[in-house]
Amino acid sequence: MRTFVRILVLAFIISVISCASHSKKSSSALFDNQWELQYITGPRIAFGGLYPNKKPKISFDRATKIVQGNNSCNGYRADYSLDAYKISFGEPGPTTMMYCGEGEKVFLNTMKKVNAYGFDSSGNLELKMDEVVLMRFSKSPK
């Protein structure tokens, strides 16, 4: 019986250490890359119709806790807060005022719904509402 208890305790310790190291690895991937949008949920307009010339990009600054990028037309910048795999974004600050279709509005409104993030098996960044993927980004050259 003692052996069984020791094995259970050891298994628990290994799983806790494994989860902690996975969290650090994921967090590092979030910050060390610029991400380009590949998928967005919701709109009735095809992805290529929303973003015909340029796909939105996003990057996270660990030190300033600022997210910034281009929403396919105008630049944006906002605060973000991160707690393990939970994430939330503040209101985007002033941007240029060029109108380029509905893509910008869809992108910014979808960002407001995000409350979690993760990575798929290919290493793509997934921004989620709970467990539902709202946006998927692939790594983009900086």
C-alpha atoms as a PDB file:
ATOM      1  CA  MET A   1       0.000   0.000   0.000  1.00  0.00           C
ATOM      2  CA  ARG A   2       2.862   2.408   0.780  1.00  0.00           C
ATOM      3  CA  THR A   3       4.344   1.792  -2.645  1.00  0.00           C
ATOM      4  CA  PHE A   4       1.018   2.621  -4.281  1.00  0.00           C
ATOM      5  CA  VAL A   5       0.754   5.915  -2.345  1.00  0.00           C
ATOM      6  CA  ARG A   6       4.340   6.838  -3.257  1.00  0.00           C
ATOM      7  CA  ILE A   7       3.622   6.172  -6.934  1.00  0.00           C
ATOM      8  CA  LEU A   8       0.500   8.362  -6.786  1.00  0.00           C
ATOM      9  CA  VAL A   9       2.412  11.190  -5.102  1.00  0.00           C
ATOM     10  CA  LEU A  10       5.243  10.900  -7.621  1.00  0.00           C
ATOM     11  CA  ALA A  11       2.786  10.929 -10.545  1.00  0.00           C
ATOM     12  CA  PHE A  12       1.101  14.041  -9.128  1.00  0.00           C
ATOM     13  CA  ILE A  13       4.431  15.861  -8.717  1.00  0.00           C
ATOM     14  CA  ILE A  14       5.494  14.980 -12.276  1.00  0.00           C
ATOM     15  CA  SER A  15       2.191  16.228 -13.709  1.00  0.00           C
ATOM     16  CA  VAL A  16       2.452  19.544 -11.814  1.00  0.00           C
ATOM     17  CA  ILE A  17       6.031  20.092 -13.006  1.00  0.00           C
ATOM     18  CA  SER A  18       5.057  19.163 -16.562  1.00  0.00           C
ATOM     19  CA  CYS A  19       2.160  21.639 -16.613  1.00  0.00           C
ATOM     20  CA  ALA A  20       4.329  24.421 -15.197  1.00  0.00           C
ATOM     21  CA  SER A  21       7.032  23.934 -17.816  1.00  0.00           C
ATOM     22  CA  HIS A  22       4.420  23.780 -20.606  1.00  0.00           C
ATOM     23  CA  SER A  23       2.968  27.099 -19.429  1.00  0.00           C
ATOM     24  CA  LYS A  24       6.400  28.777 -19.529  1.00  0.00           C
ATOM     25  CA  LYS A  25       7.084  27.373 -22.994  1.00  0.00           C
ATOM     26  CA  SER A  26       3.720  28.600 -24.321  1.00  0.00           C
ATOM     27  CA  SER A  27       4.142  32.008 -22.766  1.00  0.00           C
ATOM     28  CA  SER A  28       7.563  32.374 -24.354  1.00  0.00           C
ATOM     29  CA  ALA A  29       6.170  31.511 -27.791  1.00  0.00           C
ATOM     30  CA  LEU A  30       3.489  34.170 -27.355  1.00  0.00           C
ATOM     31  CA  PHE A  31       6.051  36.929 -26.850  1.00  0.00           C
ATOM     32  CA  ASP A  32       8.845  35.905 -29.159  1.00  0.00           C
ATOM     33  CA  ASN A  33       6.846  36.125 -32.372  1.00  0.00           C
ATOM     34  CA  GLN A  34       4.753  38.322 -34.574  1.00  0.00           C
ATOM     35  CA  TRP A  35       1.514  36.572 -35.548  1.00  0.00           C
ATOM     36  CA  GLU A  36      -0.521  36.809 -38.767  1.00  0.00           C
ATOM     37  CA  LEU A  37      -4.258  36.049 -38.823  1.00  0.00           C
ATOM     38  CA  GLN A  38      -5.233  32.885 -40.738  1.00  0.00           C
ATOM     39  CA  TYR A  39      -8.793  32.334 -39.448  1.00  0.00           C
ATOM     40  CA  ILE A  40     -11.533  34.369 -37.803  1.00  0.00           C
ATOM     41  CA  THR A  41     -14.942  33.115 -36.734  1.00  0.00           C
ATOM     42  CA  GLY A  42     -18.294  34.729 -37.249  1.00  0.00           C
ATOM     43  CA  PRO A  43     -18.490  36.890 -40.331  1.00  0.00           C
ATOM     44  CA  ARG A  44     -20.644  35.897 -43.277  1.00  0.00           C
ATOM     45  CA  ILE A  45     -18.051  37.426 -45.578  1.00  0.00           C
ATOM     46  CA  ALA A  46     -15.279  35.094 -46.759  1.00  0.00           C
ATOM     47  CA  PHE A  47     -11.874  35.562 -45.099  1.00  0.00           C
ATOM     48  CA  GLY A  48     -10.336  36.721 -48.401  1.00  0.00           C
ATOM     49  CA  GLY A  49     -13.138  39.277 -48.785  1.00  0.00           C
ATOM     50  CA  LEU A  50     -12.515  40.699 -45.321  1.00  0.00           C
ATOM     51  CA  TYR A  51      -8.767  40.930 -45.832  1.00  0.00           C
ATOM     52  CA  PRO A  52      -8.130  41.119 -49.597  1.00  0.00           C
ATOM     53  CA  ASN A  53      -4.789  42.938 -49.485  1.00  0.00           C
ATOM     54  CA  LYS A  54      -3.267  42.419 -46.071  1.00  0.00           C
ATOM     55  CA  LYS A  55      -3.973  40.073 -43.157  1.00  0.00           C
ATOM     56  CA  PRO A  56      -4.082  41.452 -39.608  1.00  0.00           C
ATOM     57  CA  LYS A  57      -0.974  41.005 -37.463  1.00  0.00           C
ATOM     58  CA  ILE A  58      -0.464  41.013 -33.716  1.00  0.00           C
ATOM     59  CA  SER A  59       2.539  41.042 -31.385  1.00  0.00           C
ATOM     60  CA  PHE A  60       2.807  41.055 -27.606  1.00  0.00           C
ATOM     61  CA  ASP A  61       5.314  43.090 -25.594  1.00  0.00           C
ATOM     62  CA  ARG A  62       6.056  41.320 -22.317  1.00  0.00           C
ATOM     63  CA  ALA A  63       7.641  44.340 -20.597  1.00  0.00           C
ATOM     64  CA  THR A  64       5.001  46.977 -21.387  1.00  0.00           C
ATOM     65  CA  LYS A  65       1.996  44.612 -21.495  1.00  0.00           C
ATOM     66  CA  ILE A  66       0.988  46.201 -24.787  1.00  0.00           C
ATOM     67  CA  VAL A  67      -0.354  44.341 -27.804  1.00  0.00           C
ATOM     68  CA  GLN A  68       0.048  46.034 -31.146  1.00  0.00           C
ATOM     69  CA  GLY A  69      -0.209  45.345 -34.813  1.00  0.00           C
ATOM     70  CA  ASN A  70      -2.154  46.084 -37.929  1.00  0.00           C
ATOM     71  CA  ASN A  71      -5.803  45.142 -38.371  1.00  0.00           C
ATOM     72  CA  SER A  72      -5.279  44.902 -42.154  1.00  0.00           C
ATOM     73  CA  CYS A  73      -5.844  48.596 -42.699  1.00  0.00           C
ATOM     74  CA  ASN A  74      -4.965  50.663 -39.649  1.00  0.00           C
ATOM     75  CA  GLY A  75      -2.505  50.145 -36.850  1.00  0.00           C
ATOM     76  CA  TYR A  76      -3.808  49.375 -33.360  1.00  0.00           C
ATOM     77  CA  ARG A  77      -2.394  49.236 -29.855  1.00  0.00           C
ATOM     78  CA  ALA A  78      -4.001  48.127 -26.591  1.00  0.00           C
ATOM     79  CA  ASP A  79      -3.169  46.954 -23.103  1.00  0.00           C
ATOM     80  CA  TYR A  80      -3.555  43.286 -22.294  1.00  0.00           C
ATOM     81  CA  SER A  81      -3.590  41.252 -19.109  1.00  0.00           C
ATOM     82  CA  LEU A  82      -2.383  37.688 -18.891  1.00  0.00           C
ATOM     83  CA  ASP A  83      -2.914  35.058 -16.195  1.00  0.00           C
ATOM     84  CA  ALA A  84      -1.756  31.558 -17.205  1.00  0.00           C
ATOM     85  CA  TYR A  85      -3.934  30.802 -20.260  1.00  0.00           C
ATOM     86  CA  LYS A  86      -6.436  33.591 -19.577  1.00  0.00           C
ATOM     87  CA  ILE A  87      -6.031  36.799 -21.533  1.00  0.00           C
ATOM     88  CA  SER A  88      -8.009  39.994 -21.981  1.00  0.00           C
ATOM     89  CA  PHE A  89      -7.491  43.086 -24.094  1.00  0.00           C
ATOM     90  CA  GLY A  90      -8.198  46.722 -23.261  1.00  0.00           C
ATOM     91  CA  GLU A  91      -9.749  49.193 -25.664  1.00  0.00           C
ATOM     92  CA  PRO A  92      -7.480  49.943 -28.631  1.00  0.00           C
ATOM     93  CA  GLY A  93      -5.891  53.363 -28.513  1.00  0.00           C
ATOM     94  CA  PRO A  94      -6.099  55.927 -31.294  1.00  0.00           C
ATOM     95  CA  THR A  95      -5.503  54.557 -34.773  1.00  0.00           C
ATOM     96  CA  THR A  96      -5.299  56.066 -38.202  1.00  0.00           C
ATOM     97  CA  MET A  97      -8.761  56.613 -39.590  1.00  0.00           C
ATOM     98  CA  MET A  98      -8.535  55.016 -43.037  1.00  0.00           C
ATOM     99  CA  TYR A  99     -11.603  52.939 -43.999  1.00  0.00           C
ATOM    100  CA  CYS A 100     -10.819  49.647 -45.721  1.00  0.00           C
ATOM    101  CA  GLY A 101     -14.031  47.628 -45.471  1.00  0.00           C
ATOM    102  CA  GLU A 102     -15.539  45.512 -42.706  1.00  0.00           C
ATOM    103  CA  GLY A 103     -12.409  43.495 -41.824  1.00  0.00           C
ATOM    104  CA  GLU A 104     -11.106  45.992 -39.288  1.00  0.00           C
ATOM    105  CA  LYS A 105     -14.434  46.157 -37.432  1.00  0.00           C
ATOM    106  CA  VAL A 106     -14.769  42.340 -37.372  1.00  0.00           C
ATOM    107  CA  PHE A 107     -11.194  41.953 -36.079  1.00  0.00           C
ATOM    108  CA  LEU A 108     -11.514  44.524 -33.260  1.00  0.00           C
ATOM    109  CA  ASN A 109     -14.964  43.284 -32.179  1.00  0.00           C
ATOM    110  CA  THR A 110     -13.701  39.703 -32.055  1.00  0.00           C
ATOM    111  CA  MET A 111     -10.716  40.785 -29.912  1.00  0.00           C
ATOM    112  CA  LYS A 112     -13.182  42.105 -27.304  1.00  0.00           C
ATOM    113  CA  LYS A 113     -14.651  38.587 -26.905  1.00  0.00           C
ATOM    114  CA  VAL A 114     -11.310  36.841 -26.284  1.00  0.00           C
ATOM    115  CA  ASN A 115     -10.678  35.552 -22.753  1.00  0.00           C
ATOM    116  CA  ALA A 116      -8.210  32.676 -23.292  1.00  0.00           C
ATOM    117  CA  TYR A 117      -5.384  31.600 -25.547  1.00  0.00           C
ATOM    118  CA  GLY A 118      -3.501  28.470 -26.491  1.00  0.00           C
ATOM    119  CA  PHE A 119      -1.490  26.841 -29.242  1.00  0.00           C
ATOM    120  CA  ASP A 120      -2.554  24.107 -31.643  1.00  0.00           C
ATOM    121  CA  SER A 121      -0.416  21.090 -32.546  1.00  0.00           C
ATOM    122  CA  SER A 122       1.261  23.087 -35.357  1.00  0.00           C
ATOM    123  CA  GLY A 123       2.300  25.912 -33.007  1.00  0.00           C
ATOM    124  CA  ASN A 124      -0.343  28.368 -34.230  1.00  0.00           C
ATOM    125  CA  LEU A 125      -1.672  30.891 -31.710  1.00  0.00           C
ATOM    126  CA  GLU A 126      -5.370  30.484 -30.926  1.00  0.00           C
ATOM    127  CA  LEU A 127      -7.312  33.303 -29.288  1.00  0.00           C
ATOM    128  CA  LYS A 128     -10.452  31.861 -27.703  1.00  0.00           C
ATOM    129  CA  MET A 129     -13.656  32.585 -25.890  1.00  0.00           C
ATOM    130  CA  ASP A 130     -13.457  29.870 -23.233  1.00  0.00           C
ATOM    131  CA  GLU A 131     -12.732  26.742 -25.338  1.00  0.00           C
ATOM    132  CA  VAL A 132     -14.033  28.094 -28.669  1.00  0.00           C
ATOM    133  CA  VAL A 133     -11.358  29.299 -31.102  1.00  0.00           C
ATOM    134  CA  LEU A 134     -12.270  32.778 -32.359  1.00  0.00           C
ATOM    135  CA  MET A 135      -9.028  33.577 -34.186  1.00  0.00           C
ATOM    136  CA  ARG A 136      -6.018  31.565 -35.298  1.00  0.00           C
ATOM    137  CA  PHE A 137      -2.641  33.134 -36.127  1.00  0.00           C
ATOM    138  CA  SER A 138       0.496  31.651 -37.635  1.00  0.00           C
ATOM    139  CA  LYS A 139       4.023  32.903 -37.053  1.00  0.00           C
ATOM    140  CA  SER A 140       4.940  35.784 -39.311  1.00  0.00           C
ATOM    141  CA  PRO A 141       8.391  37.111 -40.180  1.00  0.00           C
ATOM    142  CA  LYS A 142       9.068  40.273 -38.151  1.00  0.00           C
END
